[in-house]
Amino acid sequence: MKRKLLGVIDATTYHEDLEDLLTHRSLAALPFAGRYRIIDFVLSNMVNSGIRSVAIFPKMQYRSLMDHLGSGKNWDLNRKRDGLFFFPSPIVDNDGNKIGSFEHFAANLDFFYRSTQEYAIISNCYTVFNMTFHSVLNWHSENGCDITEIHHKDGRPMEMYLIKTSLLIKLIETRNETGYTCMKDVVNDLHNDYTICRYNYEGHAVMIDSIENYFSTSMNLLQPDIWKKLFIKEQPIITKVKDEPPTKYVKGSEVKNAMIANGCLIKGHVENSIISRGVKIGKGAVIKNCIIMQKCHIEDNCYLDSVILDKDVRVEAGTHLVGTALSPYVIRKGTKQGALMNS
């Protein structure tokens, strides 16, 4: 598998429905589950499948993504041969939803020429799932497929494709003659000369494409059966290691059904919520059904329900913020929210 499969992650997608959370970062770098980034899932799946060469194609706001992934050390991808590669897009376009842009690939065609892997798995960056690609590759070979498109068990395309590297190079080189701009164009063309197959993935998978979807997917992690489908001991989801002290729970604080990362200071009440690293929650504060990202500071006697706080947000004492499951209240990164502002 190490020599057979090349990993290609398209990190160019931009969903307008997530705009409030993507002002300072790419979708791939969106925080998730208190300590992860969205891209950790597909990247970990590739590494758990024995893939040792992964190319990431970002387009915009990729500084946060590069800071998170670094040299790929945490994923054992800091290697003399193969490893982790970044290829920022030189292409200016308004379509951020074509997974596997051949124009983007063409600008880095020498990478594909140098690759020794026989097959390539091309994936989006924003699907929350846990699978290995061994079964897909075996199924692809047994069925004589030219291109395999991975679908979820409910029939939805997952925007993931398995293809021979040589065929991928051919599609890139002939894009002007064929009119194919991306992998989706190829698999949707009923008149192409390729054997297109569909592989159905039976596990849990969610594609994050809106605030509502992001919120509901995050809240579902508080259900043990969902958690166990995503975080599997034998197939760990790997992320950047950060050394933080243990979270401190002050006398009188209360926590119910919550995920709380390291380095926090909890003085208030936290329920059905996901709290990231370094968060401070003041005395008398009540946090319910919320996603609180890294280094937020919620002062005394605040009340938050169905709220998403991006990183480094400060909520002043006595502030009340209430959203709903279908329309969570979102506070952008680095801002201050006060009681007077909310009155």
Protein backbone atom coordinates (compact mmCIF):
# COMPACT_ATOMS: atom_id res chain seq x y z
CA MET A 1 0.00 0.00 0.00
CA LYS A 2 2.86 2.39 0.77
CA ARG A 3 4.11 2.21 -2.80
CA LYS A 4 0.70 1.84 -4.42
CA LEU A 5 -1.31 4.84 -3.26
CA LEU A 6 -0.68 8.57 -3.45
CA GLY A 7 -2.76 10.94 -1.32
CA VAL A 8 -4.12 14.14 -2.86
CA ILE A 9 -6.18 16.54 -0.70
CA ASP A 10 -8.00 19.43 -2.33
CA ALA A 11 -8.13 22.24 0.24
CA THR A 12 -9.44 24.97 -2.09
CA THR A 13 -13.14 24.70 -1.25
CA TYR A 14 -14.93 27.71 0.21
CA HIS A 15 -18.52 27.46 1.44
CA GLU A 16 -20.27 30.83 1.78
CA ASP A 17 -22.54 29.39 4.48
CA LEU A 18 -19.44 29.07 6.68
CA GLU A 19 -18.20 32.60 6.01
CA ASP A 20 -18.25 33.71 9.67
CA LEU A 21 -15.77 30.96 10.55
CA LEU A 22 -13.56 31.24 7.43
CA THR A 23 -12.56 34.89 7.57
CA HIS A 24 -9.08 34.08 8.89
CA ARG A 25 -8.62 30.46 7.83
CA SER A 26 -9.30 27.94 5.11
CA LEU A 27 -12.05 25.35 5.50
CA ALA A 28 -9.42 22.65 5.97
CA ALA A 29 -8.15 24.42 9.11
CA LEU A 30 -11.57 24.84 10.74
CA PRO A 31 -11.34 23.73 14.42
CA PHE A 32 -13.41 20.69 15.33
CA ALA A 33 -14.10 18.58 18.43
CA GLY A 34 -12.08 20.78 20.76
CA ARG A 35 -8.60 19.83 19.58
CA TYR A 36 -8.71 18.86 15.89
CA ARG A 37 -8.94 20.57 12.51
CA ILE A 38 -11.28 19.29 9.80
CA ILE A 39 -8.39 18.16 7.58
CA ASP A 40 -7.12 15.87 10.35
CA PHE A 41 -9.76 13.30 9.43
CA VAL A 42 -8.91 12.68 5.79
CA LEU A 43 -5.16 13.08 6.42
CA SER A 44 -5.25 10.57 9.29
CA ASN A 45 -7.29 8.17 7.16
CA MET A 46 -4.61 8.32 4.49
CA VAL A 47 -1.79 7.75 6.97
CA ASN A 48 -3.71 4.89 8.61
CA SER A 49 -3.99 3.37 5.13
CA GLY A 50 -0.20 3.26 4.83
CA ILE A 51 0.02 6.27 2.50
CA ARG A 52 3.39 8.00 2.88
CA SER A 53 3.14 10.67 0.20
CA VAL A 54 0.40 13.29 0.53
CA ALA A 55 -0.02 16.45 -1.56
CA ILE A 56 -2.23 19.26 -0.25
CA PHE A 57 -3.57 21.85 -2.69
CA PRO A 58 -4.77 24.98 -0.81
CA LYS A 59 -5.93 28.21 -2.46
CA MET A 60 -6.60 30.91 0.09
CA GLN A 61 -5.97 31.77 3.74
CA TYR A 62 -3.65 28.79 4.09
CA ARG A 63 -1.27 30.21 6.72
CA SER A 64 -3.33 28.68 9.55
CA LEU A 65 -3.38 25.34 7.73
CA MET A 66 0.38 25.31 7.21
CA ASP A 67 0.94 26.29 10.83
CA HIS A 68 -1.22 23.35 11.93
CA LEU A 69 0.38 20.73 9.69
CA GLY A 70 3.96 22.00 9.71
CA SER A 71 6.37 19.46 8.28
CA GLY A 72 3.86 16.65 8.84
CA LYS A 73 5.83 15.29 11.79
CA ASN A 74 2.77 14.43 13.88
CA TRP A 75 1.49 12.27 10.99
CA ASP A 76 4.94 10.71 10.38
CA LEU A 77 5.15 12.50 7.04
CA ASN A 78 8.43 14.41 7.57
CA ARG A 79 10.44 12.10 5.33
CA LYS A 80 13.48 12.22 3.06
CA ARG A 81 11.47 10.42 0.40
CA ASP A 82 7.82 11.19 -0.17
CA GLY A 83 6.18 12.96 2.79
CA LEU A 84 3.90 16.00 2.96
CA PHE A 85 3.77 18.55 0.13
CA PHE A 86 2.01 21.94 -0.20
CA PHE A 87 1.06 23.34 -3.60
CA PRO A 88 -0.78 26.68 -3.20
CA SER A 89 -2.92 27.48 -6.21
CA PRO A 90 -1.71 30.14 -8.68
CA ILE A 91 -5.12 29.95 -10.36
CA VAL A 92 -7.55 32.82 -9.78
CA ASP A 93 -11.16 31.69 -10.18
CA ASN A 94 -14.53 32.09 -8.53
CA ASP A 95 -15.40 28.41 -8.31
CA GLY A 96 -14.17 26.96 -5.04
CA ASN A 97 -16.27 23.81 -5.22
CA LYS A 98 -14.58 21.76 -7.93
CA ILE A 99 -12.71 18.99 -6.16
CA GLY A 100 -9.50 18.15 -7.99
CA SER A 101 -9.08 21.11 -10.35
CA PHE A 102 -7.02 19.98 -13.33
CA GLU A 103 -5.73 23.54 -13.82
CA HIS A 104 -4.40 23.52 -10.26
CA PHE A 105 -2.85 20.08 -10.77
CA ALA A 106 -1.35 21.17 -14.10
CA ALA A 107 0.59 23.95 -12.39
CA ASN A 108 2.31 21.21 -10.34
CA LEU A 109 2.41 18.43 -12.92
CA ASP A 110 6.05 17.61 -12.21
CA PHE A 111 4.97 16.32 -8.77
CA PHE A 112 2.75 13.70 -10.40
CA TYR A 113 5.47 12.78 -12.89
CA ARG A 114 7.88 12.10 -10.03
CA SER A 115 5.40 10.07 -7.97
CA THR A 116 6.16 6.36 -7.82
CA GLN A 117 2.71 5.33 -6.55
CA GLU A 118 0.57 3.47 -9.07
CA TYR A 119 -2.75 4.88 -7.82
CA ALA A 120 -3.94 8.19 -6.40
CA ILE A 121 -6.78 8.89 -4.00
CA ILE A 122 -8.16 12.41 -4.53
CA SER A 123 -10.26 13.80 -1.69
CA ASN A 124 -11.93 16.92 -0.38
CA CYS A 125 -10.70 18.31 2.94
CA TYR A 126 -13.94 18.76 4.87
CA THR A 127 -15.48 15.32 5.43
CA VAL A 128 -15.63 14.04 9.01
CA PHE A 129 -15.21 10.26 8.79
CA ASN A 130 -12.90 7.39 9.71
CA MET A 131 -11.99 4.80 7.09
CA THR A 132 -8.99 3.19 5.50
CA PHE A 133 -8.62 3.01 1.74
CA HIS A 134 -7.37 -0.60 1.49
CA SER A 135 -10.84 -1.95 0.75
CA VAL A 136 -11.46 0.71 -1.91
CA LEU A 137 -8.22 -0.11 -3.71
CA ASN A 138 -8.88 -3.87 -3.59
CA TRP A 139 -12.45 -3.39 -4.82
CA HIS A 140 -11.26 -1.05 -7.58
CA SER A 141 -8.74 -3.62 -8.84
CA GLU A 142 -11.11 -6.60 -8.61
CA ASN A 143 -13.80 -4.82 -10.63
CA GLY A 144 -11.52 -3.55 -13.38
CA CYS A 145 -12.38 0.10 -12.75
CA ASP A 146 -10.62 3.06 -14.34
CA ILE A 147 -12.06 5.53 -11.83
CA THR A 148 -13.86 4.74 -8.58
CA GLU A 149 -16.05 7.41 -7.00
CA ILE A 150 -16.69 6.89 -3.29
CA HIS A 151 -20.30 7.36 -2.21
CA HIS A 152 -21.89 7.34 1.21
CA LYS A 153 -24.34 4.56 1.97
CA ASP A 154 -27.21 7.02 1.53
CA GLY A 155 -26.18 7.57 -2.09
CA ARG A 156 -24.43 10.94 -1.74
CA PRO A 157 -21.11 11.36 -3.59
CA MET A 158 -18.35 11.98 -1.05
CA GLU A 159 -16.14 13.87 -3.55
CA MET A 160 -13.40 11.24 -3.31
CA TYR A 161 -11.93 9.43 -6.29
CA LEU A 162 -9.50 6.55 -6.83
CA ILE A 163 -7.63 6.58 -10.12
CA LYS A 164 -4.39 5.33 -11.65
CA THR A 165 -1.76 8.04 -11.42
CA SER A 166 -0.95 7.60 -15.11
CA LEU A 167 -4.61 8.16 -16.05
CA LEU A 168 -4.78 11.21 -13.81
CA ILE A 169 -1.76 12.67 -15.62
CA LYS A 170 -3.44 11.97 -18.95
CA LEU A 171 -6.63 13.75 -17.84
CA ILE A 172 -4.61 16.75 -16.71
CA GLU A 173 -2.61 16.92 -19.93
CA THR A 174 -5.67 16.59 -22.21
CA ARG A 175 -7.99 18.90 -20.25
CA ASN A 176 -8.12 21.50 -23.03
CA GLU A 177 -9.11 18.91 -25.64
CA THR A 178 -11.65 17.04 -23.50
CA GLY A 179 -13.12 20.03 -21.67
CA TYR A 180 -12.81 18.22 -18.34
CA THR A 181 -11.96 20.69 -15.58
CA CYS A 182 -12.04 18.32 -12.59
CA MET A 183 -12.76 14.74 -11.54
CA LYS A 184 -16.49 15.40 -11.24
CA ASP A 185 -16.66 16.33 -14.91
CA VAL A 186 -15.15 12.99 -15.87
CA VAL A 187 -17.37 10.76 -13.74
CA ASN A 188 -20.53 12.64 -14.76
CA ASP A 189 -19.83 12.36 -18.50
CA LEU A 190 -21.98 9.48 -19.75
CA HIS A 191 -20.08 9.37 -23.03
CA ASN A 192 -16.52 8.96 -21.76
CA ASP A 193 -14.45 5.89 -22.56
CA TYR A 194 -13.66 4.98 -18.97
CA THR A 195 -15.09 2.38 -16.63
CA ILE A 196 -16.55 4.46 -13.80
CA CYS A 197 -17.38 2.56 -10.62
CA ARG A 198 -19.13 3.51 -7.40
CA TYR A 199 -17.88 2.31 -4.02
CA ASN A 200 -20.38 2.62 -1.15
CA TYR A 201 -18.91 3.56 2.21
CA GLU A 202 -21.05 2.15 5.02
CA GLY A 203 -19.61 4.11 7.93
CA HIS A 204 -20.42 7.45 9.52
CA ALA A 205 -19.53 10.45 7.35
CA VAL A 206 -20.59 14.11 7.32
CA MET A 207 -19.47 16.79 4.86
CA ILE A 208 -19.17 20.15 6.64
CA ASP A 209 -20.67 22.79 4.35
CA SER A 210 -22.70 25.18 6.53
CA ILE A 211 -22.84 26.66 10.03
CA GLU A 212 -25.92 24.59 10.85
CA ASN A 213 -24.21 21.42 9.62
CA TYR A 214 -21.00 22.21 11.50
CA PHE A 215 -22.94 22.86 14.71
CA SER A 216 -25.11 19.73 14.52
CA THR A 217 -22.14 17.49 13.61
CA SER A 218 -20.18 18.86 16.55
CA MET A 219 -23.05 18.43 19.00
CA ASN A 220 -23.59 14.85 17.82
CA LEU A 221 -20.08 14.02 19.05
CA LEU A 222 -21.49 14.21 22.58
CA GLN A 223 -23.44 11.02 21.78
CA PRO A 224 -21.21 8.04 22.68
CA ASP A 225 -22.34 5.93 19.70
CA ILE A 226 -21.36 8.68 17.24
CA TRP A 227 -18.07 9.31 19.01
CA LYS A 228 -17.13 5.63 18.82
CA LYS A 229 -17.73 5.58 15.05
CA LEU A 230 -15.26 8.41 14.47
CA PHE A 231 -12.60 7.88 17.11
CA ILE A 232 -11.43 4.30 16.71
CA LYS A 233 -8.44 3.05 18.72
CA GLU A 234 -6.97 1.08 15.83
CA GLN A 235 -7.46 4.01 13.41
CA PRO A 236 -6.60 7.12 15.45
CA ILE A 237 -7.39 10.63 14.25
CA ILE A 238 -4.05 12.39 14.53
CA THR A 239 -3.61 16.10 15.19
CA LYS A 240 -0.94 18.62 16.09
CA VAL A 241 0.50 17.97 19.53
CA LYS A 242 0.27 20.90 21.93
CA ASP A 243 1.66 20.75 25.45
CA GLU A 244 -0.98 22.20 27.76
CA PRO A 245 -1.45 21.81 31.51
CA PRO A 246 -4.51 19.92 32.76
CA THR A 247 -7.79 21.79 32.95
CA LYS A 248 -8.56 23.25 36.38
CA TYR A 249 -12.07 22.92 37.80
CA VAL A 250 -12.66 25.40 40.62
CA LYS A 251 -14.83 24.42 43.60
CA GLY A 252 -18.46 25.11 42.75
CA SER A 253 -18.06 24.54 39.02
CA GLU A 254 -20.29 21.96 37.31
CA VAL A 255 -19.82 20.01 34.06
CA LYS A 256 -22.40 17.78 32.38
CA ASN A 257 -21.97 15.85 29.12
CA ALA A 258 -19.20 18.02 27.74
CA MET A 259 -15.85 17.70 25.97
CA ILE A 260 -13.22 19.93 27.53
CA ALA A 261 -9.66 20.16 26.22
CA ASN A 262 -6.51 20.87 28.24
CA GLY A 263 -5.42 24.18 29.67
CA CYS A 264 -8.88 25.51 30.61
CA LEU A 265 -10.08 27.21 33.79
CA ILE A 266 -13.67 26.32 34.64
CA LYS A 267 -15.47 28.23 37.39
CA GLY A 268 -19.03 28.11 36.05
CA HIS A 269 -21.56 25.62 34.63
CA VAL A 270 -20.86 23.78 31.34
CA GLU A 271 -23.44 21.48 29.77
CA ASN A 272 -23.70 19.72 26.39
CA SER A 273 -20.79 21.76 25.04
CA ILE A 274 -17.39 21.45 23.39
CA ILE A 275 -14.64 23.55 24.96
CA SER A 276 -11.24 23.93 23.25
CA ARG A 277 -7.80 24.51 24.78
CA GLY A 278 -7.05 27.44 27.04
CA VAL A 279 -10.64 28.62 27.57
CA LYS A 280 -11.57 30.53 30.74
CA ILE A 281 -15.15 30.38 32.04
CA GLY A 282 -15.97 32.70 34.91
CA LYS A 283 -17.89 32.19 38.14
CA GLY A 284 -21.66 32.05 37.72
CA ALA A 285 -21.38 31.67 33.93
CA VAL A 286 -23.71 29.12 32.28
CA ILE A 287 -22.63 27.54 28.98
CA LYS A 288 -25.14 25.22 27.28
CA ASN A 289 -25.10 23.61 23.81
CA CYS A 290 -22.08 25.68 22.76
CA ILE A 291 -18.85 25.38 20.80
CA ILE A 292 -16.13 27.47 22.42
CA MET A 293 -12.87 27.65 20.50
CA GLN A 294 -9.33 28.15 21.72
CA LYS A 295 -8.38 30.84 24.27
CA CYS A 296 -11.82 32.39 24.61
CA HIS A 297 -12.55 34.21 27.86
CA ILE A 298 -16.10 34.16 29.21
CA GLU A 299 -16.40 36.39 32.24
CA ASP A 300 -18.60 36.01 35.34
CA ASN A 301 -22.39 35.58 35.20
CA CYS A 302 -22.69 35.17 31.44
CA TYR A 303 -25.36 32.98 29.85
CA LEU A 304 -24.64 31.31 26.50
CA ASP A 305 -26.93 28.83 24.76
CA SER A 306 -26.44 27.48 21.20
CA VAL A 307 -23.46 29.77 20.58
CA ILE A 308 -20.26 29.33 18.57
CA LEU A 309 -17.35 31.46 19.79
CA ASP A 310 -14.41 31.53 17.39
CA LYS A 311 -10.87 31.77 18.78
CA ASP A 312 -9.79 34.55 21.15
CA VAL A 313 -13.28 35.93 21.77
CA ARG A 314 -13.94 37.80 25.02
CA VAL A 315 -17.45 37.83 26.45
CA GLU A 316 -17.88 40.51 29.08
CA ALA A 317 -19.52 39.87 32.45
CA GLY A 318 -23.30 39.54 32.50
CA THR A 319 -23.68 39.03 28.75
CA HIS A 320 -26.55 36.85 27.48
CA LEU A 321 -26.19 35.21 24.03
CA VAL A 322 -28.84 32.79 22.79
CA GLY A 323 -29.14 31.05 19.43
CA THR A 324 -30.90 27.89 18.27
CA ALA A 325 -29.81 24.52 16.94
CA LEU A 326 -30.86 25.58 13.44
CA SER A 327 -29.34 29.05 13.76
CA PRO A 328 -26.53 29.15 16.32
CA TYR A 329 -25.24 32.55 17.42
CA VAL A 330 -21.74 32.98 15.90
CA ILE A 331 -19.12 35.40 17.24
CA ARG A 332 -16.15 35.96 14.94
CA LYS A 333 -12.53 35.43 15.91
CA GLY A 334 -10.83 37.95 18.18
CA THR A 335 -13.89 40.09 18.89
CA LYS A 336 -15.39 41.32 22.15
CA GLN A 337 -19.04 40.78 23.07
CA GLY A 338 -20.55 42.79 25.90
CA ALA A 339 -23.86 43.05 27.71
CA LEU A 340 -24.47 46.55 26.33
CA MET A 341 -23.84 45.39 22.76
CA ASN A 342 -26.44 42.67 23.19
CA SER A 343 -29.13 44.83 24.81
